[in-house]
Amino acid sequence: MGRRKEQSELAASEDAMQEIPEVMECYHMTGEFEYLLRVVVSDMADFERRHNESLTRLPCVAGVNSNVAMRTVRKTTELPLT
């Protein structure tokens, strides 16, 4: 999304993302893209459906860049408290 967004457009997108159950996490970012989403789906066909029916139709979305994790190498919520 290359153009500057109005606050109302961002708020509309954020409200819409709240309604998509497959969106597990959403981060407003700096840099090239406005948002980073973690989306959980059952398979690639499910991802394609969600992509086409919801993600690309969000307010102020000009495009979507997707990456798929092949496997989890490390995942933790433990903080090193020393």
C-alpha atoms as a PDB file:
ATOM      1  CA  MET A   1       0.000   0.000   0.000  1.00  0.00           C
ATOM      2  CA  GLY A   2       1.961   2.943  -1.247  1.00  0.00           C
ATOM      3  CA  ARG A   3      -0.369   5.849  -0.577  1.00  0.00           C
ATOM      4  CA  ARG A   4      -0.978   7.568   2.750  1.00  0.00           C
ATOM      5  CA  LYS A   5      -4.024   6.185   4.528  1.00  0.00           C
ATOM      6  CA  GLU A   6      -6.683   8.191   6.287  1.00  0.00           C
ATOM      7  CA  GLN A   7      -7.325   7.203   9.900  1.00  0.00           C
ATOM      8  CA  SER A   8     -10.908   6.269   9.023  1.00  0.00           C
ATOM      9  CA  GLU A   9      -9.658   3.848   6.335  1.00  0.00           C
ATOM     10  CA  LEU A  10      -7.237   2.213   8.759  1.00  0.00           C
ATOM     11  CA  ALA A  11      -9.936   1.935  11.422  1.00  0.00           C
ATOM     12  CA  ALA A  12     -12.347   0.348   8.923  1.00  0.00           C
ATOM     13  CA  SER A  13      -9.713  -2.223   7.943  1.00  0.00           C
ATOM     14  CA  GLU A  14      -8.906  -3.000  11.560  1.00  0.00           C
ATOM     15  CA  ASP A  15     -12.592  -3.416  12.400  1.00  0.00           C
ATOM     16  CA  ALA A  16     -13.059  -5.753   9.422  1.00  0.00           C
ATOM     17  CA  MET A  17     -10.024  -7.858  10.435  1.00  0.00           C
ATOM     18  CA  GLN A  18     -11.607  -8.399  13.849  1.00  0.00           C
ATOM     19  CA  GLU A  19     -14.462 -10.230  12.101  1.00  0.00           C
ATOM     20  CA  ILE A  20     -12.302 -12.784  10.240  1.00  0.00           C
ATOM     21  CA  PRO A  21     -11.915 -15.792  12.569  1.00  0.00           C
ATOM     22  CA  GLU A  22      -8.851 -17.113  10.722  1.00  0.00           C
ATOM     23  CA  VAL A  23      -6.907 -13.917  11.532  1.00  0.00           C
ATOM     24  CA  MET A  24      -5.142 -14.948  14.725  1.00  0.00           C
ATOM     25  CA  GLU A  25      -2.861 -11.908  15.023  1.00  0.00           C
ATOM     26  CA  CYS A  26      -2.746  -8.492  13.366  1.00  0.00           C
ATOM     27  CA  TYR A  27       0.057  -5.941  13.667  1.00  0.00           C
ATOM     28  CA  HIS A  28       0.092  -2.367  12.319  1.00  0.00           C
ATOM     29  CA  MET A  29       3.564  -2.061  10.817  1.00  0.00           C
ATOM     30  CA  THR A  30       6.109   0.487   9.687  1.00  0.00           C
ATOM     31  CA  GLY A  31       7.848  -0.021   6.369  1.00  0.00           C
ATOM     32  CA  GLU A  32       6.556  -1.324   3.066  1.00  0.00           C
ATOM     33  CA  PHE A  33       3.291  -2.872   4.308  1.00  0.00           C
ATOM     34  CA  GLU A  34       0.566  -1.446   6.582  1.00  0.00           C
ATOM     35  CA  TYR A  35      -0.288  -4.722   8.337  1.00  0.00           C
ATOM     36  CA  LEU A  36       1.165  -8.102   9.168  1.00  0.00           C
ATOM     37  CA  LEU A  37      -1.416 -10.836   9.753  1.00  0.00           C
ATOM     38  CA  ARG A  38      -1.018 -14.355  11.060  1.00  0.00           C
ATOM     39  CA  VAL A  39      -3.783 -16.363   9.440  1.00  0.00           C
ATOM     40  CA  VAL A  40      -4.498 -20.001  10.307  1.00  0.00           C
ATOM     41  CA  VAL A  41      -6.244 -22.166   7.712  1.00  0.00           C
ATOM     42  CA  SER A  42      -6.672 -25.917   7.198  1.00  0.00           C
ATOM     43  CA  ASP A  43      -4.971 -26.123   3.798  1.00  0.00           C
ATOM     44  CA  MET A  44      -4.009 -24.054   0.758  1.00  0.00           C
ATOM     45  CA  ALA A  45      -7.503 -24.317  -0.746  1.00  0.00           C
ATOM     46  CA  ASP A  46      -8.882 -22.826   2.473  1.00  0.00           C
ATOM     47  CA  PHE A  47      -6.238 -20.082   2.323  1.00  0.00           C
ATOM     48  CA  GLU A  48      -7.158 -19.297  -1.295  1.00  0.00           C
ATOM     49  CA  ARG A  49     -10.845 -19.063  -0.343  1.00  0.00           C
ATOM     50  CA  ARG A  50     -10.120 -16.780   2.635  1.00  0.00           C
ATOM     51  CA  HIS A  51      -7.702 -14.709   0.538  1.00  0.00           C
ATOM     52  CA  ASN A  52     -10.228 -14.205  -2.265  1.00  0.00           C
ATOM     53  CA  GLU A  53     -13.355 -13.774  -0.127  1.00  0.00           C
ATOM     54  CA  SER A  54     -12.028 -11.700   2.774  1.00  0.00           C
ATOM     55  CA  LEU A  55      -8.440 -10.504   2.841  1.00  0.00           C
ATOM     56  CA  THR A  56      -8.358  -8.805  -0.567  1.00  0.00           C
ATOM     57  CA  ARG A  57     -11.734  -7.176   0.112  1.00  0.00           C
ATOM     58  CA  LEU A  58     -10.689  -5.415   3.294  1.00  0.00           C
ATOM     59  CA  PRO A  59     -11.073  -1.616   3.179  1.00  0.00           C
ATOM     60  CA  CYS A  60      -7.976   0.157   1.831  1.00  0.00           C
ATOM     61  CA  VAL A  61      -6.191  -3.065   0.793  1.00  0.00           C
ATOM     62  CA  ALA A  62      -4.349  -2.444  -2.469  1.00  0.00           C
ATOM     63  CA  GLY A  63      -2.586  -5.801  -2.480  1.00  0.00           C
ATOM     64  CA  VAL A  64      -1.600  -8.807  -0.411  1.00  0.00           C
ATOM     65  CA  ASN A  65       1.852 -10.376  -0.051  1.00  0.00           C
ATOM     66  CA  SER A  66       1.675 -13.895   1.415  1.00  0.00           C
ATOM     67  CA  ASN A  67       4.292 -16.194   2.896  1.00  0.00           C
ATOM     68  CA  VAL A  68       3.631 -19.754   4.043  1.00  0.00           C
ATOM     69  CA  ALA A  69       5.562 -21.396   6.870  1.00  0.00           C
ATOM     70  CA  MET A  70       6.786 -24.844   5.846  1.00  0.00           C
ATOM     71  CA  ARG A  71       7.400 -25.934   9.451  1.00  0.00           C
ATOM     72  CA  THR A  72       7.933 -24.503  12.911  1.00  0.00           C
ATOM     73  CA  VAL A  73      11.614 -24.452  13.870  1.00  0.00           C
ATOM     74  CA  ARG A  74      11.166 -22.747  17.238  1.00  0.00           C
ATOM     75  CA  LYS A  75       8.186 -21.239  19.001  1.00  0.00           C
ATOM     76  CA  THR A  76       8.181 -20.089  22.603  1.00  0.00           C
ATOM     77  CA  THR A  77       6.539 -17.591  24.896  1.00  0.00           C
ATOM     78  CA  GLU A  78       9.165 -18.101  27.621  1.00  0.00           C
ATOM     79  CA  LEU A  79      11.143 -14.975  28.481  1.00  0.00           C
ATOM     80  CA  PRO A  80      14.743 -15.290  29.715  1.00  0.00           C
ATOM     81  CA  LEU A  81      14.348 -13.784  33.190  1.00  0.00           C
ATOM     82  CA  THR A  82      17.803 -13.601  34.740  1.00  0.00           C
END
